[in-house]
C-alpha atoms as a PDB file:
ATOM      1  CA  MET A   1      65.317-265.815 156.464  1.00  0.00           C
ATOM      2  CA  SER A   2      68.481-265.078 158.364  1.00  0.00           C
ATOM      3  CA  VAL A   3      70.974-262.412 157.359  1.00  0.00           C
ATOM      4  CA  PHE A   4      74.614-263.245 157.874  1.00  0.00           C
ATOM      5  CA  HIS A   5      77.840-261.292 158.232  1.00  0.00           C
ATOM      6  CA  SER A   6      81.098-262.654 156.862  1.00  0.00           C
ATOM      7  CA  SER A   7      83.322-261.865 159.825  1.00  0.00           C
ATOM      8  CA  PRO A   8      87.108-262.073 159.551  1.00  0.00           C
ATOM      9  CA  ALA A   9      89.317-261.209 162.512  1.00  0.00           C
ATOM     10  CA  LEU A  10      92.801-259.963 161.654  1.00  0.00           C
ATOM     11  CA  ASP A  11      96.047-259.960 163.556  1.00  0.00           C
ATOM     12  CA  PRO A  12      96.621-256.221 164.120  1.00  0.00           C
ATOM     13  CA  GLN A  13     100.375-256.561 163.733  1.00  0.00           C
ATOM     14  CA  ALA A  14     100.808-258.680 160.611  1.00  0.00           C
ATOM     15  CA  GLY A  15      97.340-258.346 159.116  1.00  0.00           C
ATOM     16  CA  ARG A  16      96.871-262.110 158.895  1.00  0.00           C
ATOM     17  CA  PRO A  17      93.342-263.485 159.441  1.00  0.00           C
ATOM     18  CA  ILE A  18      92.979-265.375 162.690  1.00  0.00           C
ATOM     19  CA  TYR A  19      89.364-266.369 162.056  1.00  0.00           C
ATOM     20  CA  GLN A  20      86.822-266.084 159.246  1.00  0.00           C
ATOM     21  CA  GLY A  21      83.265-267.374 159.298  1.00  0.00           C
ATOM     22  CA  ARG A  22      79.571-266.507 159.081  1.00  0.00           C
ATOM     23  CA  VAL A  23      77.320-265.299 161.846  1.00  0.00           C
ATOM     24  CA  ALA A  24      73.759-263.960 161.979  1.00  0.00           C
ATOM     25  CA  SER A  25      73.372-260.170 161.914  1.00  0.00           C
ATOM     26  CA  ASP A  26      72.239-260.113 165.533  1.00  0.00           C
ATOM     27  CA  PRO A  27      73.980-258.137 168.296  1.00  0.00           C
ATOM     28  CA  GLY A  28      73.955-261.080 170.679  1.00  0.00           C
ATOM     29  CA  ALA A  29      75.420-263.496 168.139  1.00  0.00           C
ATOM     30  CA  LEU A  30      78.049-260.995 167.020  1.00  0.00           C
ATOM     31  CA  ALA A  31      79.057-260.173 170.594  1.00  0.00           C
ATOM     32  CA  ALA A  32      79.338-263.858 171.497  1.00  0.00           C
ATOM     33  CA  LEU A  33      81.512-264.595 168.467  1.00  0.00           C
ATOM     34  CA  LEU A  34      83.771-261.607 169.035  1.00  0.00           C
ATOM     35  CA  GLY A  35      84.128-262.468 172.710  1.00  0.00           C
ATOM     36  CA  LYS A  36      85.245-265.958 171.757  1.00  0.00           C
ATOM     37  CA  LYS A  37      87.397-265.341 168.667  1.00  0.00           C
ATOM     38  CA  ALA A  38      88.619-261.741 169.140  1.00  0.00           C
ATOM     39  CA  PRO A  39      88.210-260.737 172.804  1.00  0.00           C
ATOM     40  CA  HIS A  40      90.803-257.935 172.512  1.00  0.00           C
ATOM     41  CA  ALA A  41      89.500-256.379 169.276  1.00  0.00           C
ATOM     42  CA  GLU A  42      90.435-252.716 168.920  1.00  0.00           C
ATOM     43  CA  ARG A  43      87.868-251.905 166.205  1.00  0.00           C
ATOM     44  CA  VAL A  44      84.832-253.719 164.828  1.00  0.00           C
ATOM     45  CA  GLY A  45      83.747-252.377 161.442  1.00  0.00           C
ATOM     46  CA  PHE A  46      80.761-252.784 159.149  1.00  0.00           C
ATOM     47  CA  GLU A  47      79.246-250.889 156.235  1.00  0.00           C
ATOM     48  CA  THR A  48      76.249-248.601 156.267  1.00  0.00           C
ATOM     49  CA  GLY A  49      72.995-250.371 155.495  1.00  0.00           C
ATOM     50  CA  ALA A  50      69.422-250.911 156.611  1.00  0.00           C
ATOM     51  CA  MET A  51      70.453-252.549 159.900  1.00  0.00           C
ATOM     52  CA  SER A  52      73.696-250.667 160.558  1.00  0.00           C
ATOM     53  CA  SER A  53      72.210-248.082 162.927  1.00  0.00           C
ATOM     54  CA  TRP A  54      70.502-250.719 165.059  1.00  0.00           C
ATOM     55  CA  LEU A  55      73.648-252.864 165.193  1.00  0.00           C
ATOM     56  CA  TRP A  56      75.828-249.860 166.034  1.00  0.00           C
ATOM     57  CA  HIS A  57      73.685-248.798 168.993  1.00  0.00           C
ATOM     58  CA  GLU A  58      73.275-252.319 170.353  1.00  0.00           C
ATOM     59  CA  LEU A  59      76.964-253.194 170.081  1.00  0.00           C
ATOM     60  CA  ARG A  60      77.975-249.852 171.571  1.00  0.00           C
ATOM     61  CA  ARG A  61      75.613-250.484 174.452  1.00  0.00           C
ATOM     62  CA  ILE A  62      77.566-253.601 175.421  1.00  0.00           C
ATOM     63  CA  GLY A  63      80.903-251.811 175.094  1.00  0.00           C
ATOM     64  CA  LEU A  64      82.254-253.001 171.723  1.00  0.00           C
ATOM     65  CA  PRO A  65      84.457-250.519 169.768  1.00  0.00           C
ATOM     66  CA  VAL A  66      82.329-250.483 166.608  1.00  0.00           C
ATOM     67  CA  VAL A  67      82.801-248.152 163.641  1.00  0.00           C
ATOM     68  CA  CYS A  68      80.326-247.688 160.783  1.00  0.00           C
ATOM     69  CA  ILE A  69      82.009-247.223 157.397  1.00  0.00           C
ATOM     70  CA  ASP A  70      80.572-245.249 154.488  1.00  0.00           C
ATOM     71  CA  ALA A  71      79.489-247.887 151.957  1.00  0.00           C
ATOM     72  CA  ARG A  72      80.363-245.647 148.985  1.00  0.00           C
ATOM     73  CA  HIS A  73      83.959-245.237 150.131  1.00  0.00           C
ATOM     74  CA  ALA A  74      84.221-248.923 150.926  1.00  0.00           C
ATOM     75  CA  HIS A  75      82.890-249.797 147.473  1.00  0.00           C
ATOM     76  CA  ALA A  76      85.394-247.476 145.808  1.00  0.00           C
ATOM     77  CA  ALA A  77      88.262-249.098 147.700  1.00  0.00           C
ATOM     78  CA  LEU A  78      87.097-252.675 147.130  1.00  0.00           C
ATOM     79  CA  SER A  79      86.139-252.254 143.462  1.00  0.00           C
ATOM     80  CA  VAL A  80      89.777-252.731 142.392  1.00  0.00           C
ATOM     81  CA  ARG A  81      89.580-256.402 143.379  1.00  0.00           C
ATOM     82  CA  MET A  82      89.180-258.811 140.481  1.00  0.00           C
ATOM     83  CA  ASN A  83      86.696-261.163 142.135  1.00  0.00           C
ATOM     84  CA  LYS A  84      83.758-260.019 144.233  1.00  0.00           C
ATOM     85  CA  SER A  85      82.368-262.265 146.954  1.00  0.00           C
ATOM     86  CA  ASP A  86      81.123-261.894 150.504  1.00  0.00           C
ATOM     87  CA  GLU A  87      84.385-263.370 151.817  1.00  0.00           C
ATOM     88  CA  ASN A  88      86.559-261.008 149.755  1.00  0.00           C
ATOM     89  CA  ASP A  89      84.459-257.995 150.726  1.00  0.00           C
ATOM     90  CA  ALA A  90      84.633-258.914 154.416  1.00  0.00           C
ATOM     91  CA  ARG A  91      88.417-259.371 154.194  1.00  0.00           C
ATOM     92  CA  GLY A  92      88.735-256.019 152.409  1.00  0.00           C
ATOM     93  CA  LEU A  93      86.642-254.230 155.038  1.00  0.00           C
ATOM     94  CA  ALA A  94      88.781-255.776 157.767  1.00  0.00           C
ATOM     95  CA  GLU A  95      91.912-254.475 156.017  1.00  0.00           C
ATOM     96  CA  LEU A  96      90.422-250.975 155.726  1.00  0.00           C
ATOM     97  CA  VAL A  97      89.551-250.938 159.426  1.00  0.00           C
ATOM     98  CA  ARG A  98      92.973-252.289 160.408  1.00  0.00           C
ATOM     99  CA  ILE A  99      94.978-249.639 158.548  1.00  0.00           C
ATOM    100  CA  GLY A 100      92.482-246.844 159.289  1.00  0.00           C
ATOM    101  CA  TRP A 101      91.806-246.008 155.635  1.00  0.00           C
ATOM    102  CA  TYR A 102      88.074-245.402 155.909  1.00  0.00           C
ATOM    103  CA  ARG A 103      85.521-242.683 156.601  1.00  0.00           C
ATOM    104  CA  GLU A 104      83.450-243.287 159.687  1.00  0.00           C
ATOM    105  CA  VAL A 105      79.768-242.424 159.456  1.00  0.00           C
ATOM    106  CA  ALA A 106      78.175-240.465 162.295  1.00  0.00           C
ATOM    107  CA  VAL A 107      75.253-242.627 163.426  1.00  0.00           C
ATOM    108  CA  LYS A 108      72.243-240.644 164.600  1.00  0.00           C
ATOM    109  CA  SER A 109      71.014-240.893 168.152  1.00  0.00           C
ATOM    110  CA  GLU A 110      67.970-243.020 168.900  1.00  0.00           C
ATOM    111  CA  ALA A 111      65.872-239.917 169.637  1.00  0.00           C
ATOM    112  CA  SER A 112      66.750-238.416 166.264  1.00  0.00           C
ATOM    113  CA  GLN A 113      65.980-241.686 164.513  1.00  0.00           C
ATOM    114  CA  GLN A 114      62.523-241.764 166.059  1.00  0.00           C
ATOM    115  CA  ALA A 115      61.880-238.140 165.080  1.00  0.00           C
ATOM    116  CA  ARG A 116      63.110-238.861 161.549  1.00  0.00           C
ATOM    117  CA  SER A 117      60.711-241.807 161.277  1.00  0.00           C
ATOM    118  CA  LEU A 118      57.856-239.492 162.245  1.00  0.00           C
ATOM    119  CA  LEU A 119      58.906-236.873 159.680  1.00  0.00           C
ATOM    120  CA  LEU A 120      59.345-239.447 156.904  1.00  0.00           C
ATOM    121  CA  THR A 121      55.908-240.903 157.624  1.00  0.00           C
ATOM    122  CA  ARG A 122      54.388-237.432 157.463  1.00  0.00           C
ATOM    123  CA  SER A 123      56.168-236.732 154.175  1.00  0.00           C
ATOM    124  CA  ARG A 124      54.837-239.974 152.691  1.00  0.00           C
ATOM    125  CA  LEU A 125      51.253-239.181 153.715  1.00  0.00           C
ATOM    126  CA  VAL A 126      51.550-235.659 152.272  1.00  0.00           C
ATOM    127  CA  ARG A 127      52.656-237.220 148.975  1.00  0.00           C
ATOM    128  CA  ILE A 128      49.736-239.671 149.048  1.00  0.00           C
ATOM    129  CA  ARG A 129      47.277-236.840 149.726  1.00  0.00           C
ATOM    130  CA  ARG A 130      48.696-234.820 146.856  1.00  0.00           C
ATOM    131  CA  ASP A 131      48.510-237.782 144.465  1.00  0.00           C
ATOM    132  CA  LEU A 132      44.897-238.436 145.410  1.00  0.00           C
ATOM    133  CA  GLU A 133      43.956-234.804 144.875  1.00  0.00           C
ATOM    134  CA  ASN A 134      45.743-234.668 141.513  1.00  0.00           C
ATOM    135  CA  GLN A 135      44.013-237.851 140.398  1.00  0.00           C
ATOM    136  CA  MET A 136      40.536-236.587 141.277  1.00  0.00           C
ATOM    137  CA  ARG A 137      41.265-233.159 139.821  1.00  0.00           C
ATOM    138  CA  ALA A 138      42.343-234.724 136.521  1.00  0.00           C
ATOM    139  CA  MET A 139      39.237-236.922 136.362  1.00  0.00           C
ATOM    140  CA  LEU A 140      36.939-233.951 136.945  1.00  0.00           C
ATOM    141  CA  LYS A 141      38.819-231.835 134.441  1.00  0.00           C
ATOM    142  CA  GLU A 142      38.092-234.387 131.721  1.00  0.00           C
ATOM    143  CA  CYS A 143      34.405-233.684 132.359  1.00  0.00           C
ATOM    144  CA  GLY A 144      34.919-229.918 132.181  1.00  0.00           C
ATOM    145  CA  LEU A 145      34.797-229.437 135.970  1.00  0.00           C
ATOM    146  CA  ILE A 146      37.625-227.144 137.101  1.00  0.00           C
ATOM    147  CA  PHE A 147      38.027-225.505 140.512  1.00  0.00           C
ATOM    148  CA  SER A 148      40.618-223.405 142.279  1.00  0.00           C
ATOM    149  CA  ARG A 149      43.449-224.713 144.419  1.00  0.00           C
ATOM    150  CA  SER A 150      42.424-226.284 147.726  1.00  0.00           C
ATOM    151  CA  ILE A 151      43.613-229.076 150.010  1.00  0.00           C
ATOM    152  CA  GLY A 152      42.241-231.190 152.832  1.00  0.00           C
ATOM    153  CA  TRP A 153      38.569-230.923 153.736  1.00  0.00           C
ATOM    154  CA  GLN A 154      38.109-227.927 151.459  1.00  0.00           C
ATOM    155  CA  PHE A 155      39.164-230.052 148.507  1.00  0.00           C
ATOM    156  CA  ARG A 156      36.652-232.788 149.403  1.00  0.00           C
ATOM    157  CA  ARG A 157      33.891-230.221 149.779  1.00  0.00           C
ATOM    158  CA  ARG A 158      34.606-228.777 146.349  1.00  0.00           C
ATOM    159  CA  VAL A 159      34.617-232.232 144.759  1.00  0.00           C
ATOM    160  CA  GLU A 160      31.265-233.061 146.368  1.00  0.00           C
ATOM    161  CA  GLU A 161      29.774-229.751 145.235  1.00  0.00           C
ATOM    162  CA  LEU A 162      30.875-230.247 141.631  1.00  0.00           C
ATOM    163  CA  SER A 163      30.030-233.929 141.251  1.00  0.00           C
ATOM    164  CA  GLY A 164      27.524-235.139 143.844  1.00  0.00           C
ATOM    165  CA  GLU A 165      25.717-238.454 143.910  1.00  0.00           C
ATOM    166  CA  GLY A 166      24.076-237.958 140.542  1.00  0.00           C
ATOM    167  CA  HIS A 167      27.313-237.488 138.608  1.00  0.00           C
ATOM    168  CA  VAL A 168      28.669-240.286 136.453  1.00  0.00           C
ATOM    169  CA  LEU A 169      32.057-240.149 138.248  1.00  0.00           C
ATOM    170  CA  TRP A 170      30.612-240.295 141.755  1.00  0.00           C
ATOM    171  CA  PRO A 171      30.994-244.100 142.206  1.00  0.00           C
ATOM    172  CA  VAL A 172      34.675-243.757 141.263  1.00  0.00           C
ATOM    173  CA  LEU A 173      35.334-240.631 143.320  1.00  0.00           C
ATOM    174  CA  LEU A 174      33.704-241.947 146.493  1.00  0.00           C
ATOM    175  CA  PRO A 175      36.455-244.465 147.444  1.00  0.00           C
ATOM    176  CA  LEU A 176      39.114-241.892 146.633  1.00  0.00           C
ATOM    177  CA  LEU A 177      37.400-239.338 148.853  1.00  0.00           C
ATOM    178  CA  SER A 178      37.164-241.893 151.654  1.00  0.00           C
ATOM    179  CA  VAL A 179      40.878-242.653 151.498  1.00  0.00           C
ATOM    180  CA  HIS A 180      41.639-238.929 151.227  1.00  0.00           C
ATOM    181  CA  ALA A 181      39.659-238.216 154.404  1.00  0.00           C
ATOM    182  CA  HIS A 182      41.473-240.969 156.311  1.00  0.00           C
ATOM    183  CA  VAL A 183      44.892-239.740 155.142  1.00  0.00           C
ATOM    184  CA  CYS A 184      44.057-236.175 156.189  1.00  0.00           C
ATOM    185  CA  SER A 185      42.930-237.393 159.603  1.00  0.00           C
ATOM    186  CA  GLU A 186      46.194-239.258 160.149  1.00  0.00           C
ATOM    187  CA  LEU A 187      48.145-236.240 158.929  1.00  0.00           C
ATOM    188  CA  ASP A 188      46.452-234.020 161.487  1.00  0.00           C
ATOM    189  CA  GLY A 189      47.572-236.381 164.253  1.00  0.00           C
ATOM    190  CA  LEU A 190      51.151-236.429 162.976  1.00  0.00           C
ATOM    191  CA  ASP A 191      51.185-232.638 162.691  1.00  0.00           C
ATOM    192  CA  ARG A 192      50.154-232.342 166.337  1.00  0.00           C
ATOM    193  CA  ARG A 193      53.027-234.626 167.335  1.00  0.00           C
ATOM    194  CA  VAL A 194      55.470-232.620 165.208  1.00  0.00           C
ATOM    195  CA  ARG A 195      54.371-229.340 166.813  1.00  0.00           C
ATOM    196  CA  GLN A 196      54.681-230.882 170.264  1.00  0.00           C
ATOM    197  CA  LEU A 197      58.239-232.054 169.555  1.00  0.00           C
ATOM    198  CA  ALA A 198      59.175-228.594 168.319  1.00  0.00           C
ATOM    199  CA  LYS A 199      57.596-226.944 171.342  1.00  0.00           C
ATOM    200  CA  GLU A 200      59.605-229.101 173.749  1.00  0.00           C
ATOM    201  CA  ASP A 201      62.971-228.421 172.057  1.00  0.00           C
ATOM    202  CA  ASP A 202      64.684-225.067 172.553  1.00  0.00           C
ATOM    203  CA  THR A 203      67.019-225.554 169.569  1.00  0.00           C
ATOM    204  CA  THR A 204      64.114-226.139 167.180  1.00  0.00           C
ATOM    205  CA  ARG A 205      62.342-223.008 168.428  1.00  0.00           C
ATOM    206  CA  ARG A 206      65.457-220.907 167.809  1.00  0.00           C
ATOM    207  CA  LEU A 207      65.835-222.347 164.300  1.00  0.00           C
ATOM    208  CA  MET A 208      62.276-221.269 163.564  1.00  0.00           C
ATOM    209  CA  THR A 209      63.260-217.602 163.977  1.00  0.00           C
ATOM    210  CA  VAL A 210      64.914-217.780 160.536  1.00  0.00           C
ATOM    211  CA  PRO A 211      62.556-216.471 157.800  1.00  0.00           C
ATOM    212  CA  GLY A 212      61.073-219.243 155.691  1.00  0.00           C
ATOM    213  CA  ILE A 213      61.849-221.931 158.282  1.00  0.00           C
ATOM    214  CA  GLY A 214      58.722-223.515 159.703  1.00  0.00           C
ATOM    215  CA  VAL A 215      58.112-226.241 162.246  1.00  0.00           C
ATOM    216  CA  VAL A 216      58.690-229.176 159.901  1.00  0.00           C
ATOM    217  CA  THR A 217      61.858-227.771 158.308  1.00  0.00           C
ATOM    218  CA  ALA A 218      63.381-226.789 161.661  1.00  0.00           C
ATOM    219  CA  LEU A 219      62.643-230.179 163.201  1.00  0.00           C
ATOM    220  CA  THR A 220      63.989-231.993 160.136  1.00  0.00           C
ATOM    221  CA  PHE A 221      67.219-229.991 160.270  1.00  0.00           C
ATOM    222  CA  ARG A 222      67.528-230.602 164.009  1.00  0.00           C
ATOM    223  CA  HIS A 223      67.259-234.378 163.741  1.00  0.00           C
ATOM    224  CA  THR A 224      69.078-234.832 160.425  1.00  0.00           C
ATOM    225  CA  ILE A 225      72.208-233.021 161.601  1.00  0.00           C
ATOM    226  CA  ASP A 226      71.724-234.392 165.151  1.00  0.00           C
ATOM    227  CA  ASP A 227      75.201-233.340 166.336  1.00  0.00           C
ATOM    228  CA  PRO A 228      76.470-229.984 164.956  1.00  0.00           C
ATOM    229  CA  SER A 229      79.954-230.486 166.406  1.00  0.00           C
ATOM    230  CA  ARG A 230      80.785-233.127 163.781  1.00  0.00           C
ATOM    231  CA  PHE A 231      81.158-230.341 161.206  1.00  0.00           C
ATOM    232  CA  LYS A 232      84.434-228.418 161.336  1.00  0.00           C
ATOM    233  CA  SER A 233      82.744-225.332 159.919  1.00  0.00           C
ATOM    234  CA  ALA A 234      79.223-224.281 159.041  1.00  0.00           C
ATOM    235  CA  ALA A 235      80.188-224.011 155.360  1.00  0.00           C
ATOM    236  CA  THR A 236      80.515-227.800 155.090  1.00  0.00           C
ATOM    237  CA  VAL A 237      76.842-228.327 155.949  1.00  0.00           C
ATOM    238  CA  GLY A 238      75.833-227.256 152.424  1.00  0.00           C
ATOM    239  CA  ALA A 239      78.120-229.872 150.882  1.00  0.00           C
ATOM    240  CA  TYR A 240      76.823-232.508 153.324  1.00  0.00           C
ATOM    241  CA  LEU A 241      73.265-231.859 152.115  1.00  0.00           C
ATOM    242  CA  GLY A 242      74.190-231.922 148.419  1.00  0.00           C
ATOM    243  CA  LEU A 243      73.698-228.178 147.849  1.00  0.00           C
ATOM    244  CA  THR A 244      77.174-227.448 146.443  1.00  0.00           C
ATOM    245  CA  PRO A 245      78.196-227.920 142.778  1.00  0.00           C
ATOM    246  CA  ARG A 246      80.215-230.879 141.621  1.00  0.00           C
ATOM    247  CA  ARG A 247      83.780-230.159 140.546  1.00  0.00           C
ATOM    248  CA  LYS A 248      85.880-232.040 137.985  1.00  0.00           C
ATOM    249  CA  GLN A 249      89.501-230.923 137.798  1.00  0.00           C
ATOM    250  CA  SER A 250      92.279-232.630 135.874  1.00  0.00           C
ATOM    251  CA  GLY A 251      95.337-230.863 134.514  1.00  0.00           C
ATOM    252  CA  GLU A 252      94.217-227.670 132.807  1.00  0.00           C
ATOM    253  CA  THR A 253      90.543-228.672 132.936  1.00  0.00           C
ATOM    254  CA  ASP A 254      88.515-227.383 135.866  1.00  0.00           C
ATOM    255  CA  THR A 255      84.737-227.442 135.513  1.00  0.00           C
ATOM    256  CA  SER A 256      81.885-226.935 137.954  1.00  0.00           C
ATOM    257  CA  GLY A 257      78.665-228.828 137.348  1.00  0.00           C
ATOM    258  CA  ARG A 258      75.260-229.010 138.939  1.00  0.00           C
ATOM    259  CA  VAL A 259      74.739-229.449 142.652  1.00  0.00           C
ATOM    260  CA  SER A 260      75.690-232.926 143.821  1.00  0.00           C
ATOM    261  CA  ARG A 261      72.321-233.780 145.467  1.00  0.00           C
ATOM    262  CA  TRP A 262      74.084-236.065 147.901  1.00  0.00           C
ATOM    263  CA  GLY A 263      72.966-236.329 151.468  1.00  0.00           C
ATOM    264  CA  ASP A 264      69.448-236.240 152.869  1.00  0.00           C
ATOM    265  CA  ARG A 265      66.860-235.617 150.174  1.00  0.00           C
ATOM    266  CA  LEU A 266      64.045-234.692 152.548  1.00  0.00           C
ATOM    267  CA  LEU A 267      65.949-231.891 154.266  1.00  0.00           C
ATOM    268  CA  ARG A 268      67.317-230.622 150.962  1.00  0.00           C
ATOM    269  CA  THR A 269      63.764-230.378 149.607  1.00  0.00           C
ATOM    270  CA  TYR A 270      62.521-228.536 152.694  1.00  0.00           C
ATOM    271  CA  LEU A 271      65.394-226.044 152.542  1.00  0.00           C
ATOM    272  CA  PHE A 272      64.666-225.358 148.865  1.00  0.00           C
ATOM    273  CA  GLU A 273      61.005-224.741 149.738  1.00  0.00           C
ATOM    274  CA  ALA A 274      62.067-222.469 152.612  1.00  0.00           C
ATOM    275  CA  ALA A 275      64.233-220.468 150.196  1.00  0.00           C
ATOM    276  CA  SER A 276      61.251-220.088 147.870  1.00  0.00           C
ATOM    277  CA  VAL A 277      59.096-218.833 150.744  1.00  0.00           C
ATOM    278  CA  LEU A 278      61.783-216.355 151.777  1.00  0.00           C
ATOM    279  CA  LEU A 279      62.200-214.930 148.273  1.00  0.00           C
ATOM    280  CA  HIS A 280      58.528-214.813 147.255  1.00  0.00           C
ATOM    281  CA  ARG A 281      56.347-214.556 150.362  1.00  0.00           C
ATOM    282  CA  THR A 282      58.376-212.940 153.140  1.00  0.00           C
ATOM    283  CA  LYS A 283      57.515-209.234 153.195  1.00  0.00           C
ATOM    284  CA  ARG A 284      60.002-208.077 155.809  1.00  0.00           C
ATOM    285  CA  TRP A 285      63.427-206.985 154.569  1.00  0.00           C
ATOM    286  CA  CYS A 286      66.578-208.883 155.480  1.00  0.00           C
ATOM    287  CA  ALA A 287      70.069-209.061 153.997  1.00  0.00           C
ATOM    288  CA  LEU A 288      69.618-212.701 152.980  1.00  0.00           C
ATOM    289  CA  LYS A 289      66.511-211.947 150.917  1.00  0.00           C
ATOM    290  CA  ALA A 290      68.148-208.923 149.300  1.00  0.00           C
ATOM    291  CA  TRP A 291      71.184-211.040 148.381  1.00  0.00           C
ATOM    292  CA  GLY A 292      68.979-213.781 146.935  1.00  0.00           C
ATOM    293  CA  LEU A 293      66.958-211.338 144.810  1.00  0.00           C
ATOM    294  CA  ARG A 294      70.139-209.777 143.410  1.00  0.00           C
ATOM    295  CA  LEU A 295      71.402-213.257 142.569  1.00  0.00           C
ATOM    296  CA  ALA A 296      68.089-214.115 140.893  1.00  0.00           C
ATOM    297  CA  LYS A 297      68.368-211.100 138.593  1.00  0.00           C
ATOM    298  CA  ARG A 298      71.862-212.172 137.555  1.00  0.00           C
ATOM    299  CA  ASN A 299      71.612-215.982 137.360  1.00  0.00           C
ATOM    300  CA  GLY A 300      67.916-216.855 137.430  1.00  0.00           C
ATOM    301  CA  MET A 301      65.474-217.673 140.205  1.00  0.00           C
ATOM    302  CA  LYS A 302      66.115-221.410 140.412  1.00  0.00           C
ATOM    303  CA  LYS A 303      69.856-221.019 140.963  1.00  0.00           C
ATOM    304  CA  ALA A 304      69.141-218.264 143.461  1.00  0.00           C
ATOM    305  CA  GLN A 305      66.825-220.564 145.423  1.00  0.00           C
ATOM    306  CA  VAL A 306      69.516-223.250 145.590  1.00  0.00           C
ATOM    307  CA  ALA A 307      72.064-220.690 146.774  1.00  0.00           C
ATOM    308  CA  VAL A 308      69.681-219.310 149.396  1.00  0.00           C
ATOM    309  CA  ALA A 309      68.907-222.869 150.573  1.00  0.00           C
ATOM    310  CA  ARG A 310      72.634-223.422 151.073  1.00  0.00           C
ATOM    311  CA  LYS A 311      72.888-220.138 152.982  1.00  0.00           C
ATOM    312  CA  LEU A 312      69.946-221.158 155.153  1.00  0.00           C
ATOM    313  CA  ALA A 313      71.710-224.415 156.062  1.00  0.00           C
ATOM    314  CA  VAL A 314      74.797-222.452 157.111  1.00  0.00           C
ATOM    315  CA  ILE A 315      72.754-219.934 159.133  1.00  0.00           C
ATOM    316  CA  LEU A 316      70.798-222.682 160.882  1.00  0.00           C
ATOM    317  CA  HIS A 317      74.022-224.415 161.890  1.00  0.00           C
ATOM    318  CA  CYS A 318      75.509-221.164 163.223  1.00  0.00           C
ATOM    319  CA  ILE A 319      72.365-220.380 165.231  1.00  0.00           C
ATOM    320  CA  TRP A 320      72.430-223.894 166.679  1.00  0.00           C
ATOM    321  CA  VAL A 321      76.088-223.718 167.702  1.00  0.00           C
ATOM    322  CA  ASP A 322      76.058-220.124 168.976  1.00  0.00           C
ATOM    323  CA  GLY A 323      72.770-220.403 170.862  1.00  0.00           C
ATOM    324  CA  THR A 324      71.443-217.250 169.194  1.00  0.00           C
ATOM    325  CA  VAL A 325      68.413-216.318 167.084  1.00  0.00           C
ATOM    326  CA  PHE A 326      68.111-214.822 163.605  1.00  0.00           C
ATOM    327  CA  GLU A 327      68.922-211.098 163.339  1.00  0.00           C
ATOM    328  CA  TRP A 328      66.853-209.309 160.718  1.00  0.00           C
ATOM    329  CA  GLY A 329      68.945-206.165 160.531  1.00  0.00           C
ATOM    330  CA  LYS A 330      67.896-202.815 159.083  1.00  0.00           C
ATOM    331  CA  GLU A 331      67.647-201.805 155.452  1.00  0.00           C
ATOM    332  CA  MET A 332      70.202-199.221 154.434  1.00  0.00           C
ATOM    333  CA  THR A 333      68.795-196.096 152.841  1.00  0.00           C
ATOM    334  CA  ALA A 334      70.490-194.569 149.837  1.00  0.00           C
END
């Protein structure tokens, strides 16, 4: 099945369409059509989507002035139209690009996209391993067989010790154990690749000096942000990752809600886990941990972890830009 773009070309002066038609979502087809119908195009715009990154890189490679528009902002601008159709949406996007009333999305580099694919695959396999372990643990618990926390090969060993071939659940557990072993084997290979990527990148190694930040979190931050210069200040990184509260202000009403949870979910989850490690497991003193523990006493641990995760995002960005490492500092004595 072919995917098509509705592609209008507008006169930049009067805003009148000079051509409108359909073309396959292929860089070669798009470039040929633009070269024929709009050879002097100043901007070529399209929304974010599954193929937007690939199209952006390929069209940029042949020298076309492409811009990728945030689909949420485009939807908000086009939702005022009475009738929705592919032709109307394409005409509306062309108008937005012509007048410059749009937010351009920063497309990640190809290297960062490849690293992100690796990290997402690892995250999926970790989730599958956890689901398999929870399933087997629940089945054994129904038979009164309970054992302490364990993962990987230790988990399989404990299951085999408790059940064995003579147990009534063994025929059901055996395929689950087989899949679990294969998933763990693939995870080990991905972990080696992740450690190798971190070892080869100086920025990732410096990010790992922050307490609570491990190899996976540092590498995820490195390739999710990709280009730190696109942020005017480090404080905006927290909002970009959905770690700042929503605000609704109208007239005399001004309320702050829960965190927005916009942005990359994977990195936000890793930063929250890093904040938990910093507050609960890190033994060495630092000002960030002391601030988080004071906040936890006042507002609760969960809100403190979110706040510390936001602080970690800001610190990681500053370390990246400044070329420095984390400074632990010294505890002040009373």
